[in-house]
Amino acid sequence: MTTIQRRAMVVEDDALVASLISSALEKANFQVAKAESVAEARRVVDDFDPDVVLIDISLGDGPNGIDLARLLSRTRPDIAGLILTRHPDARTAGVTSDVPAGYGFLRKETVGDTQLLLNTIETVLSDRASKVRQDLDPQRPFAALSAKQIELLRMVAQGLTNSEIASRLAVSNSAIEQRLGLIFKLLGITEIEGVSPRAEAMRIFISHAGLPDRD
């Protein structure tokens, strides 16, 4: 008896990560196509006709992975979808759009083995993507921060000075200092001799969400 080979498309701009994911899927009897950008994914999807797409959020210049997911959810609702990213949620990538209904969300750092990834893919393929929404986990990094606080922290991680941030947000330097002080408190950053709270906040952001591109 011949087993029907399902199709998966991996949308990931890190070539090594894309290769590792593709290899795991091929060993699980998936036929795999890869794309490095939203533009390439849009070209591939119609010809390849995947059963499931795995999409990173940050895909370099141009539209992001959430943009692609929202497009596919409208135009190809027959395709199951999984956001597979290092970001705790879309806000830390500077994305304001919501993850579309019907898509799962899995953080790369929580994938300890291939079987977990394959099990998650089976979950979204069986129309149970709502069971895999780590971006809604109240224990995820930065869950206590608002969207505006995360954007401010992201600007800090971009290396912008308080003065530059204040200029971009059209507020005073003292307002930025006050807002950062609250963020430090929410992140549990306390005064430690020889350690800058601002630098520690930057370190925490980068460790969980990566180094953000400058806007």
N, C-alpha and C. Protein backbone atom coordinates (compact mmCIF):
# COMPACT_ATOMS: atom_id res chain seq x y z
N MET A 1 0.85 -1.20 0.00
CA MET A 1 0.00 0.00 0.00
C MET A 1 0.88 1.25 0.00
N THR A 2 0.62 2.17 -0.93
CA THR A 2 1.42 3.38 -1.03
C THR A 2 0.89 4.46 -0.10
N THR A 3 1.78 5.07 0.67
CA THR A 3 1.39 6.14 1.57
C THR A 3 1.38 7.46 0.81
N ILE A 4 0.30 8.21 0.95
CA ILE A 4 0.21 9.51 0.28
C ILE A 4 1.20 10.47 0.94
N GLN A 5 2.02 11.08 0.13
CA GLN A 5 3.03 12.01 0.64
C GLN A 5 2.43 13.41 0.74
N ARG A 6 2.38 13.92 1.96
CA ARG A 6 1.85 15.27 2.16
C ARG A 6 2.93 16.30 1.86
N ARG A 7 2.47 17.54 1.67
CA ARG A 7 3.37 18.60 1.24
C ARG A 7 3.46 19.70 2.29
N ALA A 8 4.68 20.13 2.56
CA ALA A 8 4.92 21.21 3.52
C ALA A 8 5.81 22.26 2.88
N MET A 9 5.47 23.53 3.10
CA MET A 9 6.32 24.61 2.63
C MET A 9 6.93 25.31 3.83
N VAL A 10 8.24 25.48 3.81
CA VAL A 10 8.99 26.12 4.89
C VAL A 10 9.40 27.51 4.42
N VAL A 11 8.90 28.54 5.10
CA VAL A 11 9.23 29.93 4.74
C VAL A 11 10.16 30.46 5.83
N GLU A 12 11.44 30.50 5.52
CA GLU A 12 12.49 30.79 6.51
C GLU A 12 13.69 31.37 5.79
N ASP A 13 14.19 32.53 6.27
CA ASP A 13 15.32 33.16 5.57
C ASP A 13 16.68 32.74 6.10
N ASP A 14 16.70 31.94 7.16
CA ASP A 14 17.95 31.38 7.66
C ASP A 14 18.15 30.03 6.97
N ALA A 15 19.13 29.94 6.09
CA ALA A 15 19.31 28.75 5.26
C ALA A 15 19.55 27.49 6.10
N LEU A 16 20.33 27.61 7.18
CA LEU A 16 20.62 26.45 8.01
C LEU A 16 19.35 25.96 8.70
N VAL A 17 18.59 26.87 9.28
CA VAL A 17 17.35 26.49 9.97
C VAL A 17 16.37 25.86 8.99
N ALA A 18 16.25 26.47 7.81
CA ALA A 18 15.35 25.93 6.79
C ALA A 18 15.75 24.52 6.39
N SER A 19 17.05 24.29 6.27
CA SER A 19 17.55 22.96 5.89
C SER A 19 17.26 21.92 6.98
N LEU A 20 17.46 22.31 8.23
CA LEU A 20 17.21 21.38 9.34
C LEU A 20 15.73 21.02 9.44
N ILE A 21 14.86 22.01 9.30
CA ILE A 21 13.43 21.76 9.36
C ILE A 21 13.00 20.88 8.18
N SER A 22 13.49 21.21 7.01
CA SER A 22 13.14 20.45 5.81
C SER A 22 13.57 19.00 5.93
N SER A 23 14.77 18.79 6.45
CA SER A 23 15.27 17.43 6.62
C SER A 23 14.39 16.61 7.56
N ALA A 24 13.97 17.25 8.65
CA ALA A 24 13.10 16.56 9.61
C ALA A 24 11.76 16.20 8.96
N LEU A 25 11.23 17.11 8.17
CA LEU A 25 9.95 16.85 7.51
C LEU A 25 10.07 15.76 6.45
N GLU A 26 11.16 15.77 5.70
CA GLU A 26 11.35 14.76 4.67
C GLU A 26 11.49 13.37 5.28
N LYS A 27 12.13 13.29 6.44
CA LYS A 27 12.26 12.00 7.13
C LYS A 27 10.90 11.51 7.62
N ALA A 28 9.97 12.45 7.81
CA ALA A 28 8.61 12.09 8.24
C ALA A 28 7.67 11.92 7.05
N ASN A 29 8.27 11.77 5.85
CA ASN A 29 7.53 11.49 4.62
C ASN A 29 6.74 12.69 4.08
N PHE A 30 7.21 13.90 4.35
CA PHE A 30 6.64 15.07 3.71
C PHE A 30 7.46 15.42 2.47
N GLN A 31 6.79 15.88 1.44
CA GLN A 31 7.47 16.52 0.34
C GLN A 31 7.60 17.99 0.72
N VAL A 32 8.79 18.58 0.54
CA VAL A 32 9.06 19.90 1.09
C VAL A 32 9.49 20.89 0.01
N ALA A 33 8.96 22.10 0.12
CA ALA A 33 9.42 23.23 -0.69
C ALA A 33 9.85 24.33 0.27
N LYS A 34 10.85 25.12 -0.13
CA LYS A 34 11.36 26.19 0.73
C LYS A 34 11.23 27.54 0.04
N ALA A 35 11.06 28.57 0.85
CA ALA A 35 11.04 29.94 0.36
C ALA A 35 11.71 30.82 1.39
N GLU A 36 12.44 31.84 0.93
CA GLU A 36 13.18 32.71 1.84
C GLU A 36 12.47 34.02 2.12
N SER A 37 11.42 34.32 1.39
CA SER A 37 10.73 35.60 1.54
C SER A 37 9.25 35.42 1.24
N VAL A 38 8.47 36.45 1.57
CA VAL A 38 7.04 36.41 1.26
C VAL A 38 6.83 36.37 -0.24
N ALA A 39 7.59 37.17 -0.98
CA ALA A 39 7.44 37.20 -2.44
C ALA A 39 7.70 35.83 -3.05
N GLU A 40 8.76 35.16 -2.58
CA GLU A 40 9.07 33.83 -3.11
C GLU A 40 8.00 32.83 -2.70
N ALA A 41 7.52 32.93 -1.47
CA ALA A 41 6.48 32.01 -1.00
C ALA A 41 5.21 32.14 -1.83
N ARG A 42 4.88 33.36 -2.20
CA ARG A 42 3.67 33.56 -3.00
C ARG A 42 3.82 32.93 -4.39
N ARG A 43 5.05 32.92 -4.91
CA ARG A 43 5.28 32.28 -6.21
C ARG A 43 5.21 30.76 -6.09
N VAL A 44 5.71 30.24 -4.98
CA VAL A 44 5.82 28.79 -4.81
C VAL A 44 4.48 28.16 -4.46
N VAL A 45 3.67 28.85 -3.67
CA VAL A 45 2.52 28.21 -3.06
C VAL A 45 1.53 27.66 -4.07
N ASP A 46 1.26 28.36 -5.14
CA ASP A 46 0.28 27.88 -6.11
C ASP A 46 0.78 26.66 -6.87
N ASP A 47 2.04 26.67 -7.26
CA ASP A 47 2.58 25.52 -7.99
C ASP A 47 2.76 24.30 -7.09
N PHE A 48 3.20 24.54 -5.87
CA PHE A 48 3.51 23.43 -4.97
C PHE A 48 2.26 22.90 -4.26
N ASP A 49 1.31 23.79 -3.97
CA ASP A 49 0.04 23.44 -3.34
C ASP A 49 0.25 22.67 -2.03
N PRO A 50 0.85 23.32 -1.02
CA PRO A 50 1.16 22.62 0.24
C PRO A 50 -0.08 22.29 1.07
N ASP A 51 0.05 21.27 1.89
CA ASP A 51 -0.98 20.96 2.89
C ASP A 51 -0.79 21.82 4.13
N VAL A 52 0.47 22.19 4.41
CA VAL A 52 0.79 22.98 5.60
C VAL A 52 1.96 23.90 5.29
N VAL A 53 1.94 25.09 5.89
CA VAL A 53 3.06 26.02 5.75
C VAL A 53 3.63 26.32 7.13
N LEU A 54 4.95 26.37 7.22
CA LEU A 54 5.66 26.77 8.44
C LEU A 54 6.34 28.09 8.13
N ILE A 55 6.00 29.13 8.88
CA ILE A 55 6.42 30.48 8.51
C ILE A 55 7.12 31.17 9.67
N ASP A 56 8.32 31.67 9.42
CA ASP A 56 8.99 32.53 10.39
C ASP A 56 8.39 33.93 10.28
N ILE A 57 8.54 34.74 11.34
CA ILE A 57 8.00 36.11 11.29
C ILE A 57 8.97 37.03 10.57
N SER A 58 10.21 37.05 11.01
CA SER A 58 11.21 37.96 10.44
C SER A 58 11.81 37.36 9.18
N LEU A 59 11.55 38.00 8.04
CA LEU A 59 11.98 37.46 6.76
C LEU A 59 12.76 38.50 5.95
N GLY A 60 13.52 39.34 6.65
CA GLY A 60 14.31 40.34 5.96
C GLY A 60 13.48 41.51 5.50
N ASP A 61 13.96 42.21 4.50
CA ASP A 61 13.24 43.38 3.98
C ASP A 61 11.92 42.96 3.34
N GLY A 62 10.94 43.83 3.41
CA GLY A 62 9.66 43.55 2.79
C GLY A 62 8.65 43.00 3.78
N PRO A 63 7.56 42.41 3.28
CA PRO A 63 6.51 41.89 4.15
C PRO A 63 7.05 40.83 5.11
N ASN A 64 6.40 40.71 6.26
CA ASN A 64 6.83 39.73 7.26
C ASN A 64 5.96 38.48 7.22
N GLY A 65 6.32 37.51 8.05
CA GLY A 65 5.60 36.24 8.05
C GLY A 65 4.15 36.34 8.46
N ILE A 66 3.82 37.29 9.34
CA ILE A 66 2.41 37.47 9.71
C ILE A 66 1.61 38.00 8.52
N ASP A 67 2.23 38.88 7.74
CA ASP A 67 1.58 39.36 6.51
C ASP A 67 1.24 38.18 5.60
N LEU A 68 2.20 37.27 5.44
CA LEU A 68 1.98 36.11 4.58
C LEU A 68 0.88 35.21 5.14
N ALA A 69 0.93 34.98 6.45
CA ALA A 69 -0.08 34.12 7.07
C ALA A 69 -1.48 34.70 6.89
N ARG A 70 -1.61 36.01 7.06
CA ARG A 70 -2.92 36.64 6.90
C ARG A 70 -3.41 36.56 5.45
N LEU A 71 -2.47 36.71 4.52
CA LEU A 71 -2.84 36.58 3.11
C LEU A 71 -3.32 35.17 2.80
N LEU A 72 -2.55 34.17 3.23
CA LEU A 72 -2.92 32.78 2.94
C LEU A 72 -4.20 32.37 3.65
N SER A 73 -4.43 32.92 4.84
CA SER A 73 -5.66 32.56 5.56
C SER A 73 -6.90 33.04 4.80
N ARG A 74 -6.73 34.12 4.01
CA ARG A 74 -7.85 34.63 3.21
C ARG A 74 -7.97 33.91 1.86
N THR A 75 -6.82 33.71 1.22
CA THR A 75 -6.84 33.20 -0.15
C THR A 75 -6.72 31.68 -0.24
N ARG A 76 -6.10 31.06 0.77
CA ARG A 76 -5.93 29.61 0.78
C ARG A 76 -6.27 29.05 2.17
N PRO A 77 -7.54 29.15 2.58
CA PRO A 77 -7.91 28.64 3.90
C PRO A 77 -7.79 27.12 4.02
N ASP A 78 -7.58 26.45 2.88
CA ASP A 78 -7.41 24.99 2.90
C ASP A 78 -6.02 24.59 3.39
N ILE A 79 -5.08 25.54 3.45
CA ILE A 79 -3.72 25.23 3.87
C ILE A 79 -3.59 25.46 5.39
N ALA A 80 -3.14 24.45 6.11
CA ALA A 80 -2.89 24.60 7.54
C ALA A 80 -1.64 25.44 7.74
N GLY A 81 -1.57 26.18 8.85
CA GLY A 81 -0.43 27.07 9.04
C GLY A 81 0.13 27.07 10.44
N LEU A 82 1.44 27.22 10.52
CA LEU A 82 2.14 27.30 11.80
C LEU A 82 3.19 28.42 11.72
N ILE A 83 3.09 29.39 12.62
CA ILE A 83 4.15 30.38 12.77
C ILE A 83 5.23 29.74 13.64
N LEU A 84 6.43 29.60 13.08
CA LEU A 84 7.55 28.98 13.78
C LEU A 84 8.66 30.02 13.88
N THR A 85 8.88 30.55 15.08
CA THR A 85 9.74 31.73 15.22
C THR A 85 10.44 31.74 16.57
N ARG A 86 11.48 32.57 16.69
CA ARG A 86 12.14 32.74 17.98
C ARG A 86 11.43 33.79 18.82
N HIS A 87 10.53 34.57 18.23
CA HIS A 87 9.86 35.65 18.95
C HIS A 87 8.82 35.11 19.93
N PRO A 88 8.75 35.66 21.14
CA PRO A 88 7.71 35.24 22.09
C PRO A 88 6.31 35.55 21.58
N ASP A 89 6.16 36.64 20.86
CA ASP A 89 4.92 36.98 20.17
C ASP A 89 5.28 37.97 19.06
N ALA A 90 4.30 38.29 18.24
CA ALA A 90 4.59 39.13 17.07
C ALA A 90 5.04 40.53 17.45
N ARG A 91 4.65 41.01 18.64
CA ARG A 91 4.99 42.37 19.04
C ARG A 91 6.49 42.57 19.14
N THR A 92 7.23 41.57 19.57
CA THR A 92 8.67 41.72 19.73
C THR A 92 9.40 41.81 18.39
N ALA A 93 8.69 41.47 17.30
CA ALA A 93 9.24 41.63 15.96
C ALA A 93 8.84 42.96 15.36
N GLY A 94 8.14 43.79 16.14
CA GLY A 94 7.68 45.07 15.63
C GLY A 94 6.46 44.94 14.74
N VAL A 95 5.72 43.82 14.89
CA VAL A 95 4.55 43.56 14.06
C VAL A 95 3.29 43.83 14.89
N THR A 96 2.39 44.61 14.34
CA THR A 96 1.17 44.96 15.06
C THR A 96 -0.03 44.10 14.65
N SER A 97 0.07 43.41 13.52
CA SER A 97 -1.03 42.56 13.05
C SER A 97 -1.13 41.30 13.90
N ASP A 98 -2.34 40.81 14.08
CA ASP A 98 -2.57 39.59 14.86
C ASP A 98 -2.28 38.34 14.02
N VAL A 99 -1.93 37.27 14.71
CA VAL A 99 -1.83 35.97 14.05
C VAL A 99 -3.23 35.57 13.61
N PRO A 100 -3.42 35.18 12.35
CA PRO A 100 -4.77 34.87 11.88
C PRO A 100 -5.36 33.62 12.54
N ALA A 101 -6.66 33.61 12.64
CA ALA A 101 -7.34 32.42 13.17
C ALA A 101 -7.01 31.22 12.30
N GLY A 102 -6.83 30.08 12.93
CA GLY A 102 -6.51 28.87 12.20
C GLY A 102 -5.02 28.60 12.08
N TYR A 103 -4.20 29.53 12.58
CA TYR A 103 -2.75 29.34 12.56
C TYR A 103 -2.25 29.08 13.98
N GLY A 104 -1.31 28.15 14.09
CA GLY A 104 -0.65 27.91 15.36
C GLY A 104 0.57 28.82 15.50
N PHE A 105 1.13 28.85 16.70
CA PHE A 105 2.30 29.68 16.97
C PHE A 105 3.22 28.88 17.90
N LEU A 106 4.43 28.59 17.40
CA LEU A 106 5.39 27.79 18.15
C LEU A 106 6.72 28.51 18.20
N ARG A 107 7.27 28.65 19.41
CA ARG A 107 8.57 29.29 19.58
C ARG A 107 9.68 28.26 19.36
N LYS A 108 10.65 28.62 18.54
CA LYS A 108 11.73 27.70 18.21
C LYS A 108 12.47 27.20 19.44
N GLU A 109 12.66 28.09 20.41
CA GLU A 109 13.45 27.71 21.59
C GLU A 109 12.76 26.64 22.44
N THR A 110 11.45 26.42 22.24
CA THR A 110 10.73 25.41 23.01
C THR A 110 10.73 24.05 22.31
N VAL A 111 11.26 24.00 21.10
CA VAL A 111 11.28 22.73 20.35
C VAL A 111 12.53 21.96 20.73
N GLY A 112 12.37 21.04 21.66
CA GLY A 112 13.52 20.29 22.17
C GLY A 112 13.90 19.12 21.29
N ASP A 113 12.98 18.64 20.47
CA ASP A 113 13.30 17.51 19.59
C ASP A 113 12.37 17.54 18.37
N THR A 114 12.73 16.76 17.38
CA THR A 114 11.98 16.74 16.13
C THR A 114 10.56 16.28 16.33
N GLN A 115 10.35 15.32 17.23
CA GLN A 115 9.01 14.77 17.42
C GLN A 115 8.01 15.82 17.89
N LEU A 116 8.46 16.75 18.72
CA LEU A 116 7.57 17.82 19.17
C LEU A 116 7.12 18.67 17.99
N LEU A 117 8.05 18.98 17.10
CA LEU A 117 7.69 19.76 15.91
C LEU A 117 6.70 18.98 15.05
N LEU A 118 6.95 17.70 14.83
CA LEU A 118 6.06 16.89 14.00
C LEU A 118 4.69 16.76 14.64
N ASN A 119 4.64 16.60 15.96
CA ASN A 119 3.35 16.51 16.66
C ASN A 119 2.56 17.81 16.51
N THR A 120 3.28 18.93 16.59
CA THR A 120 2.62 20.22 16.43
C THR A 120 2.06 20.38 15.03
N ILE A 121 2.81 19.96 14.03
CA ILE A 121 2.34 20.03 12.65
C ILE A 121 1.07 19.18 12.48
N GLU A 122 1.06 18.01 13.08
CA GLU A 122 -0.13 17.16 13.00
C GLU A 122 -1.32 17.84 13.67
N THR A 123 -1.06 18.58 14.74
CA THR A 123 -2.14 19.29 15.43
C THR A 123 -2.78 20.34 14.53
N VAL A 124 -1.93 21.14 13.85
CA VAL A 124 -2.51 22.17 12.97
C VAL A 124 -3.15 21.55 11.73
N LEU A 125 -2.63 20.42 11.27
CA LEU A 125 -3.23 19.75 10.12
C LEU A 125 -4.60 19.18 10.45
N SER A 126 -4.84 18.90 11.72
CA SER A 126 -6.13 18.35 12.14
C SER A 126 -7.08 19.44 12.63
N ASP A 127 -6.83 20.69 12.18
CA ASP A 127 -7.70 21.83 12.49
C ASP A 127 -7.78 22.13 13.99
N ARG A 128 -6.67 21.92 14.68
CA ARG A 128 -6.63 22.22 16.11
C ARG A 128 -5.52 23.22 16.42
N ALA A 129 -5.31 24.17 15.50
CA ALA A 129 -4.23 25.14 15.67
C ALA A 129 -4.39 25.97 16.93
N SER A 130 -5.62 26.16 17.39
CA SER A 130 -5.85 26.95 18.59
C SER A 130 -5.21 26.32 19.82
N LYS A 131 -4.88 25.04 19.74
CA LYS A 131 -4.21 24.34 20.84
C LYS A 131 -2.73 24.68 20.90
N VAL A 132 -2.21 25.30 19.83
CA VAL A 132 -0.79 25.62 19.75
C VAL A 132 -0.65 27.13 19.56
N ARG A 133 -0.80 27.89 20.61
CA ARG A 133 -0.69 29.34 20.53
C ARG A 133 0.21 29.84 21.67
N GLN A 134 1.50 29.56 21.51
CA GLN A 134 2.45 29.97 22.56
C GLN A 134 2.57 31.49 22.66
N ASP A 135 2.12 32.22 21.64
CA ASP A 135 2.14 33.68 21.72
C ASP A 135 1.09 34.21 22.68
N LEU A 136 0.18 33.35 23.13
CA LEU A 136 -0.85 33.74 24.09
C LEU A 136 -0.57 33.20 25.49
N ASP A 137 0.56 32.52 25.64
CA ASP A 137 0.93 31.94 26.93
C ASP A 137 1.23 33.05 27.93
N PRO A 138 0.52 33.13 29.05
CA PRO A 138 0.78 34.21 30.02
C PRO A 138 2.16 34.13 30.66
N GLN A 139 2.86 33.01 30.49
CA GLN A 139 4.20 32.85 31.06
C GLN A 139 5.30 33.13 30.05
N ARG A 140 4.95 33.52 28.85
CA ARG A 140 5.98 33.78 27.83
C ARG A 140 6.77 35.04 28.19
N PRO A 141 7.99 35.18 27.68
CA PRO A 141 8.76 36.41 27.93
C PRO A 141 8.00 37.65 27.47
N PHE A 142 8.05 38.69 28.28
CA PHE A 142 7.46 40.00 28.00
C PHE A 142 5.93 40.00 28.01
N ALA A 143 5.32 38.95 28.55
CA ALA A 143 3.87 38.89 28.60
C ALA A 143 3.29 40.03 29.43
N ALA A 144 4.03 40.50 30.43
CA ALA A 144 3.54 41.56 31.31
C ALA A 144 3.63 42.94 30.69
N LEU A 145 4.30 43.06 29.54
CA LEU A 145 4.50 44.36 28.90
C LEU A 145 3.41 44.63 27.87
N SER A 146 3.02 45.89 27.77
CA SER A 146 2.07 46.31 26.73
C SER A 146 2.78 46.40 25.39
N ALA A 147 2.00 46.55 24.34
CA ALA A 147 2.58 46.69 23.00
C ALA A 147 3.49 47.91 22.93
N LYS A 148 3.07 49.02 23.54
CA LYS A 148 3.89 50.24 23.52
C LYS A 148 5.18 50.05 24.32
N GLN A 149 5.10 49.33 25.43
CA GLN A 149 6.31 49.07 26.22
C GLN A 149 7.28 48.17 25.47
N ILE A 150 6.76 47.19 24.77
CA ILE A 150 7.63 46.31 23.98
C ILE A 150 8.28 47.08 22.85
N GLU A 151 7.55 47.98 22.22
CA GLU A 151 8.13 48.77 21.14
C GLU A 151 9.23 49.68 21.67
N LEU A 152 9.05 50.23 22.87
CA LEU A 152 10.08 51.06 23.48
C LEU A 152 11.31 50.21 23.79
N LEU A 153 11.10 49.03 24.33
CA LEU A 153 12.21 48.13 24.64
C LEU A 153 12.92 47.70 23.36
N ARG A 154 12.17 47.51 22.31
CA ARG A 154 12.76 47.14 21.01
C ARG A 154 13.64 48.27 20.49
N MET A 155 13.23 49.51 20.68
CA MET A 155 14.05 50.65 20.27
C MET A 155 15.36 50.68 21.07
N VAL A 156 15.28 50.36 22.34
CA VAL A 156 16.49 50.29 23.17
C VAL A 156 17.42 49.22 22.62
N ALA A 157 16.86 48.07 22.26
CA ALA A 157 17.67 46.97 21.73
C ALA A 157 18.24 47.30 20.36
N GLN A 158 17.63 48.25 19.66
CA GLN A 158 18.18 48.71 18.37
C GLN A 158 19.37 49.62 18.57
N GLY A 159 19.65 49.99 19.83
CA GLY A 159 20.79 50.84 20.12
C GLY A 159 20.48 52.33 20.12
N LEU A 160 19.20 52.69 20.07
CA LEU A 160 18.83 54.10 20.04
C LEU A 160 18.98 54.73 21.42
N THR A 161 19.43 55.96 21.46
CA THR A 161 19.55 56.68 22.72
C THR A 161 18.18 57.13 23.20
N ASN A 162 18.11 57.49 24.48
CA ASN A 162 16.85 58.01 25.02
C ASN A 162 16.40 59.25 24.26
N SER A 163 17.36 60.10 23.90
CA SER A 163 17.03 61.33 23.17
C SER A 163 16.42 61.02 21.81
N GLU A 164 17.00 60.06 21.11
CA GLU A 164 16.47 59.68 19.80
C GLU A 164 15.08 59.07 19.93
N ILE A 165 14.90 58.22 20.93
CA ILE A 165 13.58 57.61 21.15
C ILE A 165 12.55 58.68 21.48
N ALA A 166 12.94 59.62 22.34
CA ALA A 166 12.03 60.71 22.71
C ALA A 166 11.63 61.52 21.49
N SER A 167 12.59 61.76 20.60
CA SER A 167 12.31 62.51 19.39
C SER A 167 11.33 61.76 18.49
N ARG A 168 11.54 60.47 18.34
CA ARG A 168 10.67 59.68 17.47
C ARG A 168 9.25 59.57 18.03
N LEU A 169 9.14 59.54 19.35
CA LEU A 169 7.83 59.41 19.97
C LEU A 169 7.21 60.75 20.32
N ALA A 170 7.96 61.82 20.06
CA ALA A 170 7.48 63.18 20.34
C ALA A 170 7.10 63.37 21.81
N VAL A 171 8.00 62.90 22.68
CA VAL A 171 7.82 63.10 24.13
C VAL A 171 9.15 63.60 24.69
N SER A 172 9.15 63.92 25.97
CA SER A 172 10.36 64.42 26.61
C SER A 172 11.29 63.28 27.01
N ASN A 173 12.56 63.63 27.24
CA ASN A 173 13.52 62.63 27.72
C ASN A 173 13.09 62.06 29.06
N SER A 174 12.56 62.92 29.92
CA SER A 174 12.15 62.46 31.24
C SER A 174 11.00 61.45 31.14
N ALA A 175 10.13 61.64 30.15
CA ALA A 175 9.03 60.69 29.96
C ALA A 175 9.58 59.32 29.57
N ILE A 176 10.59 59.32 28.71
CA ILE A 176 11.22 58.05 28.31
C ILE A 176 11.88 57.39 29.51
N GLU A 177 12.56 58.17 30.32
CA GLU A 177 13.21 57.62 31.51
C GLU A 177 12.19 57.00 32.46
N GLN A 178 11.05 57.65 32.63
CA GLN A 178 10.01 57.11 33.49
C GLN A 178 9.44 55.82 32.92
N ARG A 179 9.19 55.81 31.62
CA ARG A 179 8.65 54.61 30.99
C ARG A 179 9.63 53.44 31.07
N LEU A 180 10.90 53.75 30.87
CA LEU A 180 11.91 52.69 30.97
C LEU A 180 12.01 52.17 32.39
N GLY A 181 11.90 53.06 33.36
CA GLY A 181 11.95 52.63 34.75
C GLY A 181 10.85 51.62 35.06
N LEU A 182 9.65 51.85 34.53
CA LEU A 182 8.55 50.90 34.74
C LEU A 182 8.82 49.58 34.03
N ILE A 183 9.38 49.66 32.83
CA ILE A 183 9.72 48.43 32.11
C ILE A 183 10.75 47.62 32.88
N PHE A 184 11.77 48.29 33.41
CA PHE A 184 12.79 47.58 34.20
C PHE A 184 12.13 46.86 35.38
N LYS A 185 11.19 47.55 36.00
CA LYS A 185 10.50 46.96 37.16
C LYS A 185 9.70 45.74 36.74
N LEU A 186 8.97 45.83 35.62
CA LEU A 186 8.16 44.71 35.15
C LEU A 186 9.02 43.52 34.73
N LEU A 187 10.23 43.82 34.28
CA LEU A 187 11.15 42.74 33.90
C LEU A 187 11.93 42.18 35.07
N GLY A 188 11.71 42.76 36.24
CA GLY A 188 12.41 42.29 37.44
C GLY A 188 13.86 42.70 37.50
N ILE A 189 14.19 43.79 36.81
CA ILE A 189 15.58 44.27 36.80
C ILE A 189 15.78 45.18 38.01
N THR A 190 16.71 44.82 38.85
CA THR A 190 17.01 45.60 40.04
C THR A 190 18.41 46.20 39.93
N GLU A 191 18.67 47.17 40.76
CA GLU A 191 19.98 47.82 40.76
C GLU A 191 21.05 46.85 41.24
N ILE A 192 22.02 46.60 40.39
CA ILE A 192 23.15 45.75 40.75
C ILE A 192 24.42 46.55 40.47
N GLU A 193 25.30 46.57 41.42
CA GLU A 193 26.52 47.36 41.27
C GLU A 193 27.28 46.93 40.01
N GLY A 194 27.61 47.91 39.19
CA GLY A 194 28.38 47.65 37.99
C GLY A 194 27.56 47.21 36.79
N VAL A 195 26.22 47.09 36.95
CA VAL A 195 25.36 46.66 35.86
C VAL A 195 24.35 47.76 35.53
N SER A 196 24.28 48.15 34.28
CA SER A 196 23.33 49.16 33.83
C SER A 196 21.97 48.51 33.59
N PRO A 197 20.89 49.01 34.25
CA PRO A 197 19.56 48.45 34.00
C PRO A 197 19.17 48.51 32.52
N ARG A 198 19.56 49.60 31.86
CA ARG A 198 19.24 49.74 30.44
C ARG A 198 19.93 48.65 29.62
N ALA A 199 21.21 48.42 29.90
CA ALA A 199 21.95 47.39 29.19
C ALA A 199 21.41 46.00 29.50
N GLU A 200 20.97 45.79 30.75
CA GLU A 200 20.40 44.50 31.13
C GLU A 200 19.08 44.27 30.40
N ALA A 201 18.26 45.31 30.27
CA ALA A 201 17.00 45.19 29.53
C ALA A 201 17.27 44.85 28.07
N MET A 202 18.29 45.49 27.51
CA MET A 202 18.68 45.20 26.13
C MET A 202 19.13 43.74 26.00
N ARG A 203 19.91 43.29 26.95
CA ARG A 203 20.40 41.90 26.91
C ARG A 203 19.23 40.92 26.98
N ILE A 204 18.26 41.18 27.84
CA ILE A 204 17.11 40.30 27.98
C ILE A 204 16.30 40.25 26.68
N PHE A 205 16.07 41.42 26.09
CA PHE A 205 15.29 41.44 24.85
C PHE A 205 15.99 40.64 23.76
N ILE A 206 17.27 40.87 23.56
CA ILE A 206 18.00 40.20 22.50
C ILE A 206 18.07 38.69 22.74
N SER A 207 18.18 38.28 24.00
CA SER A 207 18.27 36.85 24.30
C SER A 207 16.98 36.12 23.94
N HIS A 208 15.85 36.80 24.03
CA HIS A 208 14.55 36.16 23.73
C HIS A 208 14.04 36.43 22.33
N ALA A 209 14.37 37.58 21.76
CA ALA A 209 13.77 37.97 20.49
C ALA A 209 14.79 38.23 19.38
N GLY A 210 16.08 38.14 19.70
CA GLY A 210 17.11 38.39 18.70
C GLY A 210 17.40 39.88 18.56
N LEU A 211 18.44 40.18 17.83
CA LEU A 211 18.83 41.57 17.60
C LEU A 211 17.90 42.16 16.54
N PRO A 212 17.13 43.20 16.91
CA PRO A 212 16.19 43.76 15.92
C PRO A 212 16.89 44.61 14.87
N ASP A 213 16.36 44.56 13.65
CA ASP A 213 16.86 45.46 12.62
C ASP A 213 16.48 46.89 12.98
N ARG A 214 17.29 47.85 12.53
CA ARG A 214 16.91 49.25 12.73
C ARG A 214 15.86 49.64 11.70
N ASP A 215 14.82 50.32 12.17
CA ASP A 215 13.74 50.75 11.28
C ASP A 215 14.22 51.88 10.37
